[in-house]
PDB file of N, CA and C in Angstrom:
ATOM      1  N   MET A   1      20.947 -15.013 -40.861  1.00  0.00           N
ATOM      2  CA  MET A   1      22.160 -14.298 -40.862  1.00  0.00           C
ATOM      3  C   MET A   1      23.425 -15.298 -40.798  1.00  0.00           C
ATOM      4  N   SER A   2      23.870 -15.654 -41.834  1.00  0.00           N
ATOM      5  CA  SER A   2      24.923 -16.547 -41.811  1.00  0.00           C
ATOM      6  C   SER A   2      26.339 -15.931 -41.832  1.00  0.00           C
ATOM      7  N   ASP A   3      26.233 -14.719 -42.299  1.00  0.00           N
ATOM      8  CA  ASP A   3      27.595 -14.066 -42.369  1.00  0.00           C
ATOM      9  C   ASP A   3      28.040 -13.582 -40.875  1.00  0.00           C
ATOM     10  N   SER A   4      29.354 -13.995 -40.555  1.00  0.00           N
ATOM     11  CA  SER A   4      29.627 -13.669 -39.317  1.00  0.00           C
ATOM     12  C   SER A   4      29.807 -12.048 -39.104  1.00  0.00           C
ATOM     13  N   ASN A   5      30.166 -11.371 -40.172  1.00  0.00           N
ATOM     14  CA  ASN A   5      30.335  -9.882 -40.086  1.00  0.00           C
ATOM     15  C   ASN A   5      28.986  -9.340 -39.843  1.00  0.00           C
ATOM     16  N   GLN A   6      27.873  -9.753 -40.464  1.00  0.00           N
ATOM     17  CA  GLN A   6      26.630  -9.247 -40.283  1.00  0.00           C
ATOM     18  C   GLN A   6      26.198  -9.462 -38.770  1.00  0.00           C
ATOM     19  N   ARG A   7      26.501 -10.667 -38.281  1.00  0.00           N
ATOM     20  CA  ARG A   7      26.151 -10.989 -36.741  1.00  0.00           C
ATOM     21  C   ARG A   7      26.932  -9.999 -35.877  1.00  0.00           C
ATOM     22  N   LEU A   8      28.187  -9.739 -36.224  1.00  0.00           N
ATOM     23  CA  LEU A   8      29.059  -8.818 -35.498  1.00  0.00           C
ATOM     24  C   LEU A   8      28.318  -7.374 -35.496  1.00  0.00           C
ATOM     25  N   ILE A   9      27.878  -6.916 -36.529  1.00  0.00           N
ATOM     26  CA  ILE A   9      27.156  -5.622 -36.775  1.00  0.00           C
ATOM     27  C   ILE A   9      25.757  -5.672 -35.977  1.00  0.00           C
ATOM     28  N   ALA A  10      25.081  -6.592 -36.058  1.00  0.00           N
ATOM     29  CA  ALA A  10      23.906  -6.728 -35.294  1.00  0.00           C
ATOM     30  C   ALA A  10      24.076  -6.673 -33.861  1.00  0.00           C
ATOM     31  N   TRP A  11      25.189  -7.362 -33.303  1.00  0.00           N
ATOM     32  CA  TRP A  11      25.510  -7.374 -31.839  1.00  0.00           C
ATOM     33  C   TRP A  11      25.843  -6.011 -31.518  1.00  0.00           C
ATOM     34  N   GLN A  12      26.655  -5.271 -32.377  1.00  0.00           N
ATOM     35  CA  GLN A  12      27.126  -3.987 -31.915  1.00  0.00           C
ATOM     36  C   GLN A  12      26.018  -3.042 -31.841  1.00  0.00           C
ATOM     37  N   MET A  13      25.059  -3.245 -32.677  1.00  0.00           N
ATOM     38  CA  MET A  13      23.835  -2.303 -32.649  1.00  0.00           C
ATOM     39  C   MET A  13      23.051  -2.521 -31.416  1.00  0.00           C
ATOM     40  N   LYS A  14      22.923  -3.946 -31.165  1.00  0.00           N
ATOM     41  CA  LYS A  14      22.022  -4.243 -30.095  1.00  0.00           C
ATOM     42  C   LYS A  14      22.719  -3.847 -28.641  1.00  0.00           C
ATOM     43  N   THR A  15      24.041  -3.776 -28.658  1.00  0.00           N
ATOM     44  CA  THR A  15      24.673  -3.321 -27.393  1.00  0.00           C
ATOM     45  C   THR A  15      25.166  -1.966 -27.415  1.00  0.00           C
ATOM     46  N   ASP A  16      24.736  -1.124 -28.264  1.00  0.00           N
ATOM     47  CA  ASP A  16      25.175   0.226 -28.399  1.00  0.00           C
ATOM     48  C   ASP A  16      24.821   0.973 -27.070  1.00  0.00           C
ATOM     49  N   THR A  17      25.774   1.223 -26.355  1.00  0.00           N
ATOM     50  CA  THR A  17      25.560   1.959 -24.993  1.00  0.00           C
ATOM     51  C   THR A  17      24.895   3.273 -24.955  1.00  0.00           C
ATOM     52  N   SER A  18      25.033   3.945 -26.063  1.00  0.00           N
ATOM     53  CA  SER A  18      24.399   5.259 -26.219  1.00  0.00           C
ATOM     54  C   SER A  18      22.927   5.192 -26.197  1.00  0.00           C
ATOM     55  N   ARG A  19      22.395   4.055 -26.923  1.00  0.00           N
ATOM     56  CA  ARG A  19      20.872   3.797 -26.894  1.00  0.00           C
ATOM     57  C   ARG A  19      20.430   3.447 -25.537  1.00  0.00           C
ATOM     58  N   MET A  20      21.214   2.723 -24.818  1.00  0.00           N
ATOM     59  CA  MET A  20      20.882   2.287 -23.414  1.00  0.00           C
ATOM     60  C   MET A  20      20.904   3.448 -22.484  1.00  0.00           C
ATOM     61  N   LYS A  21      21.796   4.358 -22.663  1.00  0.00           N
ATOM     62  CA  LYS A  21      21.892   5.512 -22.049  1.00  0.00           C
ATOM     63  C   LYS A  21      20.821   6.475 -22.270  1.00  0.00           C
ATOM     64  N   GLU A  22      20.335   6.466 -23.405  1.00  0.00           N
ATOM     65  CA  GLU A  22      19.190   7.462 -23.859  1.00  0.00           C
ATOM     66  C   GLU A  22      17.930   6.864 -23.072  1.00  0.00           C
ATOM     67  N   THR A  23      17.675   5.708 -23.074  1.00  0.00           N
ATOM     68  CA  THR A  23      16.667   4.959 -22.464  1.00  0.00           C
ATOM     69  C   THR A  23      16.646   5.323 -20.853  1.00  0.00           C
ATOM     70  N   LEU A  24      17.791   4.884 -20.300  1.00  0.00           N
ATOM     71  CA  LEU A  24      17.877   5.170 -18.799  1.00  0.00           C
ATOM     72  C   LEU A  24      17.688   6.600 -18.502  1.00  0.00           C
ATOM     73  N   ASP A  25      18.407   7.550 -19.239  1.00  0.00           N
ATOM     74  CA  ASP A  25      18.186   8.931 -18.988  1.00  0.00           C
ATOM     75  C   ASP A  25      16.742   9.402 -18.987  1.00  0.00           C
ATOM     76  N   ALA A  26      15.937   8.790 -20.057  1.00  0.00           N
ATOM     77  CA  ALA A  26      14.458   9.111 -20.194  1.00  0.00           C
ATOM     78  C   ALA A  26      13.702   8.637 -18.902  1.00  0.00           C
ATOM     79  N   LEU A  27      14.136   7.543 -18.379  1.00  0.00           N
ATOM     80  CA  LEU A  27      13.488   6.914 -17.162  1.00  0.00           C
ATOM     81  C   LEU A  27      14.009   7.380 -15.895  1.00  0.00           C
ATOM     82  N   ARG A  28      15.062   8.074 -15.763  1.00  0.00           N
ATOM     83  CA  ARG A  28      15.736   8.340 -14.588  1.00  0.00           C
ATOM     84  C   ARG A  28      14.970   9.313 -13.685  1.00  0.00           C
ATOM     85  N   PRO A  29      14.344  10.358 -14.179  1.00  0.00           N
ATOM     86  CA  PRO A  29      13.466  11.246 -13.200  1.00  0.00           C
ATOM     87  C   PRO A  29      12.451  10.518 -12.571  1.00  0.00           C
ATOM     88  N   GLU A  30      11.654   9.669 -13.209  1.00  0.00           N
ATOM     89  CA  GLU A  30      10.631   8.810 -12.556  1.00  0.00           C
ATOM     90  C   GLU A  30      11.199   7.816 -11.655  1.00  0.00           C
ATOM     91  N   MET A  31      12.305   7.253 -11.992  1.00  0.00           N
ATOM     92  CA  MET A  31      12.969   6.129 -11.172  1.00  0.00           C
ATOM     93  C   MET A  31      13.369   6.974  -9.877  1.00  0.00           C
ATOM     94  N   LEU A  32      13.912   8.104 -10.108  1.00  0.00           N
ATOM     95  CA  LEU A  32      14.412   8.811  -8.783  1.00  0.00           C
ATOM     96  C   LEU A  32      13.251   9.185  -7.898  1.00  0.00           C
ATOM     97  N   GLU A  33      12.179   9.637  -8.419  1.00  0.00           N
ATOM     98  CA  GLU A  33      10.967   9.843  -7.637  1.00  0.00           C
ATOM     99  C   GLU A  33      10.533   8.668  -6.912  1.00  0.00           C
ATOM    100  N   HIS A  34      10.429   7.704  -7.520  1.00  0.00           N
ATOM    101  CA  HIS A  34       9.955   6.340  -6.938  1.00  0.00           C
ATOM    102  C   HIS A  34      10.960   5.916  -5.777  1.00  0.00           C
ATOM    103  N   TYR A  35      12.259   6.210  -6.084  1.00  0.00           N
ATOM    104  CA  TYR A  35      13.298   5.715  -5.039  1.00  0.00           C
ATOM    105  C   TYR A  35      13.138   6.603  -3.824  1.00  0.00           C
ATOM    106  N   LYS A  36      12.942   8.022  -4.186  1.00  0.00           N
ATOM    107  CA  LYS A  36      12.771   8.888  -2.940  1.00  0.00           C
ATOM    108  C   LYS A  36      11.611   8.491  -2.164  1.00  0.00           C
ATOM    109  N   ALA A  37      10.518   8.151  -2.661  1.00  0.00           N
ATOM    110  CA  ALA A  37       9.270   7.814  -1.972  1.00  0.00           C
ATOM    111  C   ALA A  37       9.636   6.465  -1.222  1.00  0.00           C
ATOM    112  N   ALA A  38      10.126   5.545  -1.780  1.00  0.00           N
ATOM    113  CA  ALA A  38      10.497   4.206  -1.120  1.00  0.00           C
ATOM    114  C   ALA A  38      11.613   4.393   0.166  1.00  0.00           C
ATOM    115  N   VAL A  39      12.554   5.298  -0.061  1.00  0.00           N
ATOM    116  CA  VAL A  39      13.465   5.541   1.002  1.00  0.00           C
ATOM    117  C   VAL A  39      12.831   6.186   2.231  1.00  0.00           C
ATOM    118  N   ALA A  40      11.837   7.319   1.840  1.00  0.00           N
ATOM    119  CA  ALA A  40      11.201   7.939   2.902  1.00  0.00           C
ATOM    120  C   ALA A  40      10.375   7.080   3.691  1.00  0.00           C
ATOM    121  N   SER A  41       9.588   6.224   3.031  1.00  0.00           N
ATOM    122  CA  SER A  41       8.779   5.231   3.662  1.00  0.00           C
ATOM    123  C   SER A  41       9.489   4.291   4.627  1.00  0.00           C
ATOM    124  N   LEU A  42      10.670   3.723   4.045  1.00  0.00           N
ATOM    125  CA  LEU A  42      11.521   2.903   4.812  1.00  0.00           C
ATOM    126  C   LEU A  42      12.165   3.500   6.003  1.00  0.00           C
ATOM    127  N   CYS A  43      12.613   4.764   5.892  1.00  0.00           N
ATOM    128  CA  CYS A  43      13.191   5.582   6.950  1.00  0.00           C
ATOM    129  C   CYS A  43      12.112   5.799   8.107  1.00  0.00           C
ATOM    130  N   GLU A  44      10.887   6.137   7.656  1.00  0.00           N
ATOM    131  CA  GLU A  44       9.752   6.366   8.563  1.00  0.00           C
ATOM    132  C   GLU A  44       9.568   5.115   9.405  1.00  0.00           C
ATOM    133  N   MET A  45       9.388   4.013   8.635  1.00  0.00           N
ATOM    134  CA  MET A  45       9.216   2.641   9.362  1.00  0.00           C
ATOM    135  C   MET A  45      10.388   2.402  10.340  1.00  0.00           C
ATOM    136  N   GLU A  46      11.653   2.594   9.958  1.00  0.00           N
ATOM    137  CA  GLU A  46      12.695   2.275  10.815  1.00  0.00           C
ATOM    138  C   GLU A  46      12.836   3.206  12.130  1.00  0.00           C
ATOM    139  N   THR A  47      12.311   4.481  11.822  1.00  0.00           N
ATOM    140  CA  THR A  47      12.385   5.476  12.998  1.00  0.00           C
ATOM    141  C   THR A  47      11.210   4.946  14.012  1.00  0.00           C
ATOM    142  N   LYS A  48      10.138   4.526  13.504  1.00  0.00           N
ATOM    143  CA  LYS A  48       9.069   4.008  14.468  1.00  0.00           C
ATOM    144  C   LYS A  48       9.438   2.761  15.186  1.00  0.00           C
ATOM    145  N   ALA A  49      10.185   1.938  14.414  1.00  0.00           N
ATOM    146  CA  ALA A  49      10.694   0.693  14.966  1.00  0.00           C
ATOM    147  C   ALA A  49      11.711   1.057  16.047  1.00  0.00           C
ATOM    148  N   ARG A  50      12.641   1.933  15.860  1.00  0.00           N
ATOM    149  CA  ARG A  50      13.536   2.225  16.968  1.00  0.00           C
ATOM    150  C   ARG A  50      12.934   2.858  18.091  1.00  0.00           C
ATOM    151  N   GLN A  51      11.782   3.744  17.900  1.00  0.00           N
ATOM    152  CA  GLN A  51      11.115   4.237  18.991  1.00  0.00           C
ATOM    153  C   GLN A  51      10.464   3.221  19.911  1.00  0.00           C
ATOM    154  N   THR A  52       9.958   2.154  19.241  1.00  0.00           N
ATOM    155  CA  THR A  52       9.305   1.068  19.890  1.00  0.00           C
ATOM    156  C   THR A  52      10.329   0.359  20.599  1.00  0.00           C
ATOM    157  N   LEU A  53      11.639   0.050  20.017  1.00  0.00           N
ATOM    158  CA  LEU A  53      12.651  -0.698  20.798  1.00  0.00           C
ATOM    159  C   LEU A  53      13.257   0.232  21.935  1.00  0.00           C
ATOM    160  N   ASN A  54      13.273   1.468  21.713  1.00  0.00           N
ATOM    161  CA  ASN A  54      13.729   2.333  22.822  1.00  0.00           C
ATOM    162  C   ASN A  54      12.578   2.409  24.016  1.00  0.00           C
ATOM    163  N   ALA A  55      11.364   2.384  23.666  1.00  0.00           N
ATOM    164  CA  ALA A  55      10.355   2.325  24.772  1.00  0.00           C
ATOM    165  C   ALA A  55      10.273   1.018  25.477  1.00  0.00           C
ATOM    166  N   ALA A  56      10.717  -0.021  24.872  1.00  0.00           N
ATOM    167  CA  ALA A  56      10.740  -1.368  25.407  1.00  0.00           C
ATOM    168  C   ALA A  56      12.042  -1.529  26.126  1.00  0.00           C
ATOM    169  N   GLY A  57      12.868  -0.635  26.135  1.00  0.00           N
ATOM    170  CA  GLY A  57      14.230  -0.747  26.922  1.00  0.00           C
ATOM    171  C   GLY A  57      15.226  -1.812  26.225  1.00  0.00           C
ATOM    172  N   VAL A  58      15.108  -1.990  25.007  1.00  0.00           N
ATOM    173  CA  VAL A  58      15.910  -2.920  24.247  1.00  0.00           C
ATOM    174  C   VAL A  58      17.318  -2.218  24.140  1.00  0.00           C
ATOM    175  N   HIS A  59      18.397  -2.861  24.414  1.00  0.00           N
ATOM    176  CA  HIS A  59      19.749  -2.340  24.301  1.00  0.00           C
ATOM    177  C   HIS A  59      20.222  -2.167  22.884  1.00  0.00           C
ATOM    178  N   THR A  60      20.732  -1.092  22.608  1.00  0.00           N
ATOM    179  CA  THR A  60      21.101  -0.824  21.057  1.00  0.00           C
ATOM    180  C   THR A  60      21.829  -1.880  20.369  1.00  0.00           C
ATOM    181  N   ILE A  61      22.564  -2.687  21.100  1.00  0.00           N
ATOM    182  CA  ILE A  61      23.467  -3.770  20.387  1.00  0.00           C
ATOM    183  C   ILE A  61      22.498  -4.797  19.937  1.00  0.00           C
ATOM    184  N   MET A  62      21.209  -4.868  20.375  1.00  0.00           N
ATOM    185  CA  MET A  62      20.207  -5.804  19.839  1.00  0.00           C
ATOM    186  C   MET A  62      19.262  -5.319  18.830  1.00  0.00           C
ATOM    187  N   TYR A  63      19.502  -3.989  18.430  1.00  0.00           N
ATOM    188  CA  TYR A  63      18.583  -3.304  17.441  1.00  0.00           C
ATOM    189  C   TYR A  63      18.735  -4.089  16.129  1.00  0.00           C
ATOM    190  N   VAL A  64      19.856  -4.545  15.641  1.00  0.00           N
ATOM    191  CA  VAL A  64      20.103  -5.244  14.457  1.00  0.00           C
ATOM    192  C   VAL A  64      19.087  -6.275  14.063  1.00  0.00           C
ATOM    193  N   PRO A  65      18.931  -7.310  14.912  1.00  0.00           N
ATOM    194  CA  PRO A  65      17.948  -8.334  14.642  1.00  0.00           C
ATOM    195  C   PRO A  65      16.535  -7.854  14.533  1.00  0.00           C
ATOM    196  N   TYR A  66      16.158  -7.046  15.504  1.00  0.00           N
ATOM    197  CA  TYR A  66      14.846  -6.323  15.489  1.00  0.00           C
ATOM    198  C   TYR A  66      14.502  -5.585  14.344  1.00  0.00           C
ATOM    199  N   LEU A  67      15.417  -4.726  13.958  1.00  0.00           N
ATOM    200  CA  LEU A  67      15.365  -4.032  12.693  1.00  0.00           C
ATOM    201  C   LEU A  67      15.240  -4.864  11.501  1.00  0.00           C
ATOM    202  N   SER A  68      15.885  -5.858  11.417  1.00  0.00           N
ATOM    203  CA  SER A  68      15.897  -6.823  10.430  1.00  0.00           C
ATOM    204  C   SER A  68      14.464  -7.376  10.244  1.00  0.00           C
ATOM    205  N   TYR A  69      13.933  -7.684  11.528  1.00  0.00           N
ATOM    206  CA  TYR A  69      12.472  -8.276  11.434  1.00  0.00           C
ATOM    207  C   TYR A  69      11.505  -7.219  10.996  1.00  0.00           C
ATOM    208  N   ALA A  70      11.772  -5.981  11.348  1.00  0.00           N
ATOM    209  CA  ALA A  70      10.877  -4.941  10.839  1.00  0.00           C
ATOM    210  C   ALA A  70      10.982  -4.794   9.386  1.00  0.00           C
ATOM    211  N   ARG A  71      12.271  -4.869   8.877  1.00  0.00           N
ATOM    212  CA  ARG A  71      12.467  -4.759   7.495  1.00  0.00           C
ATOM    213  C   ARG A  71      11.774  -5.886   6.668  1.00  0.00           C
ATOM    214  N   GLN A  72      11.748  -7.046   7.273  1.00  0.00           N
ATOM    215  CA  GLN A  72      11.103  -8.219   6.659  1.00  0.00           C
ATOM    216  C   GLN A  72       9.546  -7.910   6.547  1.00  0.00           C
ATOM    217  N   LEU A  73       8.914  -7.360   7.608  1.00  0.00           N
ATOM    218  CA  LEU A  73       7.674  -7.112   7.674  1.00  0.00           C
ATOM    219  C   LEU A  73       7.305  -6.026   6.587  1.00  0.00           C
ATOM    220  N   TYR A  74       8.096  -4.961   6.530  1.00  0.00           N
ATOM    221  CA  TYR A  74       7.978  -3.968   5.593  1.00  0.00           C
ATOM    222  C   TYR A  74       7.925  -4.554   4.062  1.00  0.00           C
ATOM    223  N   LYS A  75       8.909  -5.364   3.952  1.00  0.00           N
ATOM    224  CA  LYS A  75       8.996  -6.053   2.629  1.00  0.00           C
ATOM    225  C   LYS A  75       7.674  -6.763   2.194  1.00  0.00           C
ATOM    226  N   LEU A  76       7.330  -7.561   3.273  1.00  0.00           N
ATOM    227  CA  LEU A  76       5.991  -8.358   3.032  1.00  0.00           C
ATOM    228  C   LEU A  76       4.906  -7.457   2.724  1.00  0.00           C
ATOM    229  N   SER A  77       4.727  -6.378   3.539  1.00  0.00           N
ATOM    230  CA  SER A  77       3.687  -5.601   3.473  1.00  0.00           C
ATOM    231  C   SER A  77       3.595  -4.612   2.315  1.00  0.00           C
ATOM    232  N   ARG A  78       4.733  -4.180   2.014  1.00  0.00           N
ATOM    233  CA  ARG A  78       4.872  -3.061   0.813  1.00  0.00           C
ATOM    234  C   ARG A  78       5.080  -3.797  -0.561  1.00  0.00           C
ATOM    235  N   GLN A  79       6.112  -4.546  -0.695  1.00  0.00           N
ATOM    236  CA  GLN A  79       6.605  -5.142  -1.948  1.00  0.00           C
ATOM    237  C   GLN A  79       5.788  -6.326  -2.389  1.00  0.00           C
ATOM    238  N   GLN A  80       5.302  -7.151  -1.324  1.00  0.00           N
ATOM    239  CA  GLN A  80       4.633  -8.341  -1.736  1.00  0.00           C
ATOM    240  C   GLN A  80       3.144  -8.324  -1.603  1.00  0.00           C
ATOM    241  N   GLY A  81       2.538  -7.268  -0.904  1.00  0.00           N
ATOM    242  CA  GLY A  81       1.300  -6.991  -0.652  1.00  0.00           C
ATOM    243  C   GLY A  81       0.604  -8.101   0.205  1.00  0.00           C
ATOM    244  N   ILE A  82       1.373  -8.648   1.116  1.00  0.00           N
ATOM    245  CA  ILE A  82       0.826  -9.594   2.119  1.00  0.00           C
ATOM    246  C   ILE A  82       0.164  -9.010   3.223  1.00  0.00           C
ATOM    247  N   SER A  83      -0.907  -9.433   3.748  1.00  0.00           N
ATOM    248  CA  SER A  83      -1.541  -8.885   4.832  1.00  0.00           C
ATOM    249  C   SER A  83      -2.386  -9.922   5.603  1.00  0.00           C
ATOM    250  N   GLY A  84      -3.105  -9.591   6.534  1.00  0.00           N
ATOM    251  CA  GLY A  84      -3.902 -10.465   7.217  1.00  0.00           C
ATOM    252  C   GLY A  84      -3.299 -11.501   7.936  1.00  0.00           C
ATOM    253  N   GLU A  85      -3.791 -12.709   8.185  1.00  0.00           N
ATOM    254  CA  GLU A  85      -3.318 -13.788   8.820  1.00  0.00           C
ATOM    255  C   GLU A  85      -1.843 -14.214   8.172  1.00  0.00           C
ATOM    256  N   SER A  86      -1.648 -14.091   7.049  1.00  0.00           N
ATOM    257  CA  SER A  86      -0.366 -14.470   6.410  1.00  0.00           C
ATOM    258  C   SER A  86       0.671 -13.518   6.915  1.00  0.00           C
ATOM    259  N   PHE A  87       0.278 -12.244   7.111  1.00  0.00           N
ATOM    260  CA  PHE A  87       1.308 -11.259   7.490  1.00  0.00           C
ATOM    261  C   PHE A  87       1.574 -11.362   9.004  1.00  0.00           C
ATOM    262  N   ALA A  88       0.520 -11.720   9.747  1.00  0.00           N
ATOM    263  CA  ALA A  88       0.744 -11.812  11.246  1.00  0.00           C
ATOM    264  C   ALA A  88       1.687 -13.096  11.507  1.00  0.00           C
ATOM    265  N   GLY A  89       1.605 -14.029  10.786  1.00  0.00           N
ATOM    266  CA  GLY A  89       2.485 -15.115  10.969  1.00  0.00           C
ATOM    267  C   GLY A  89       2.371 -15.959  12.340  1.00  0.00           C
ATOM    268  N   ARG A  90       3.459 -16.371  12.724  1.00  0.00           N
ATOM    269  CA  ARG A  90       3.563 -17.069  14.067  1.00  0.00           C
ATOM    270  C   ARG A  90       3.695 -16.031  15.130  1.00  0.00           C
ATOM    271  N   PRO A  91       3.232 -16.407  16.518  1.00  0.00           N
ATOM    272  CA  PRO A  91       3.455 -15.460  17.618  1.00  0.00           C
ATOM    273  C   PRO A  91       4.936 -15.143  17.692  1.00  0.00           C
ATOM    274  N   ALA A  92       5.164 -13.858  18.066  1.00  0.00           N
ATOM    275  CA  ALA A  92       6.440 -13.333  18.262  1.00  0.00           C
ATOM    276  C   ALA A  92       6.717 -12.941  19.615  1.00  0.00           C
ATOM    277  N   PRO A  93       7.992 -12.906  20.143  1.00  0.00           N
ATOM    278  CA  PRO A  93       8.211 -12.301  21.416  1.00  0.00           C
ATOM    279  C   PRO A  93       7.695 -10.907  21.655  1.00  0.00           C
ATOM    280  N   ALA A  94       7.531 -10.376  22.848  1.00  0.00           N
ATOM    281  CA  ALA A  94       6.872  -9.074  23.119  1.00  0.00           C
ATOM    282  C   ALA A  94       7.277  -7.927  22.383  1.00  0.00           C
ATOM    283  N   VAL A  95       8.693  -7.738  22.113  1.00  0.00           N
ATOM    284  CA  VAL A  95       9.197  -6.556  21.374  1.00  0.00           C
ATOM    285  C   VAL A  95       8.915  -6.830  19.939  1.00  0.00           C
ATOM    286  N   LEU A  96       8.971  -7.984  19.430  1.00  0.00           N
ATOM    287  CA  LEU A  96       8.664  -8.140  18.013  1.00  0.00           C
ATOM    288  C   LEU A  96       7.103  -7.863  17.757  1.00  0.00           C
ATOM    289  N   ALA A  97       6.291  -8.335  18.592  1.00  0.00           N
ATOM    290  CA  ALA A  97       4.814  -8.036  18.583  1.00  0.00           C
ATOM    291  C   ALA A  97       4.630  -6.617  18.641  1.00  0.00           C
ATOM    292  N   ALA A  98       5.287  -5.927  19.492  1.00  0.00           N
ATOM    293  CA  ALA A  98       5.172  -4.347  19.599  1.00  0.00           C
ATOM    294  C   ALA A  98       5.558  -3.616  18.448  1.00  0.00           C
ATOM    295  N   ILE A  99       6.461  -4.168  17.487  1.00  0.00           N
ATOM    296  CA  ILE A  99       6.969  -3.556  16.301  1.00  0.00           C
ATOM    297  C   ILE A  99       5.835  -3.938  15.405  1.00  0.00           C
ATOM    298  N   ARG A 100       5.244  -5.082  15.308  1.00  0.00           N
ATOM    299  CA  ARG A 100       4.218  -5.468  14.440  1.00  0.00           C
ATOM    300  C   ARG A 100       3.018  -4.667  14.599  1.00  0.00           C
ATOM    301  N   THR A 101       2.704  -4.381  15.969  1.00  0.00           N
ATOM    302  CA  THR A 101       1.350  -3.673  16.101  1.00  0.00           C
ATOM    303  C   THR A 101       1.715  -2.058  16.203  1.00  0.00           C
ATOM    304  N   GLN A 102       2.683  -1.659  16.730  1.00  0.00           N
ATOM    305  CA  GLN A 102       2.941  -0.158  16.662  1.00  0.00           C
ATOM    306  C   GLN A 102       3.348   0.482  15.475  1.00  0.00           C
ATOM    307  N   VAL A 103       4.316  -0.217  14.749  1.00  0.00           N
ATOM    308  CA  VAL A 103       4.875   0.278  13.495  1.00  0.00           C
ATOM    309  C   VAL A 103       3.824  -0.017  12.323  1.00  0.00           C
ATOM    310  N   PHE A 104       3.470  -1.236  12.234  1.00  0.00           N
ATOM    311  CA  PHE A 104       2.660  -1.807  11.007  1.00  0.00           C
ATOM    312  C   PHE A 104       1.083  -1.810  11.370  1.00  0.00           C
ATOM    313  N   ASP A 105       0.657  -1.572  12.668  1.00  0.00           N
ATOM    314  CA  ASP A 105      -0.684  -1.555  12.977  1.00  0.00           C
ATOM    315  C   ASP A 105      -1.353  -2.840  12.658  1.00  0.00           C
ATOM    316  N   ALA A 106      -0.522  -4.008  12.787  1.00  0.00           N
ATOM    317  CA  ALA A 106      -1.162  -5.428  12.389  1.00  0.00           C
ATOM    318  C   ALA A 106      -1.502  -6.054  13.711  1.00  0.00           C
ATOM    319  N   ALA A 107      -2.797  -6.625  13.713  1.00  0.00           N
ATOM    320  CA  ALA A 107      -3.114  -7.461  14.834  1.00  0.00           C
ATOM    321  C   ALA A 107      -2.440  -8.717  14.969  1.00  0.00           C
ATOM    322  N   PRO A 108      -2.271  -9.233  16.271  1.00  0.00           N
ATOM    323  CA  PRO A 108      -1.617 -10.555  16.408  1.00  0.00           C
ATOM    324  C   PRO A 108      -2.425 -11.623  15.806  1.00  0.00           C
ATOM    325  N   PRO A 109      -1.770 -12.709  15.466  1.00  0.00           N
ATOM    326  CA  PRO A 109      -2.472 -13.822  14.815  1.00  0.00           C
ATOM    327  C   PRO A 109      -3.512 -14.409  15.763  1.00  0.00           C
ATOM    328  N   THR A 110      -4.602 -14.944  15.165  1.00  0.00           N
ATOM    329  CA  THR A 110      -5.571 -15.585  15.934  1.00  0.00           C
ATOM    330  C   THR A 110      -5.386 -17.051  16.023  1.00  0.00           C
ATOM    331  N   PRO A 111      -5.542 -17.811  17.202  1.00  0.00           N
ATOM    332  CA  PRO A 111      -5.273 -19.045  17.380  1.00  0.00           C
ATOM    333  C   PRO A 111      -6.152 -20.063  16.528  1.00  0.00           C
TER     334      PRO A 111
END
């Protein structure tokens, strides 16, 4: 395609937003169901983590780092499929270990 006009036409066809919209519209229902399931699972995990923190007497101002830790474990276990010794990682403080065992039902690492 040496003609610049032909290249412009090809680019316009390739970037036609109505085609992209049709594709996304077709995929959207399945994407929405997948997102709903992911959000439900994440919210369930966060609720369990908050219950664990509450039971351990952790002040609410400290929830952010603990929930961040829980989300990292969630990401490792769900999105990356990591489990076993790799998932357990290095020893964590008592509350972090409680989240690991009570929310994710993961055993502590073996020495």
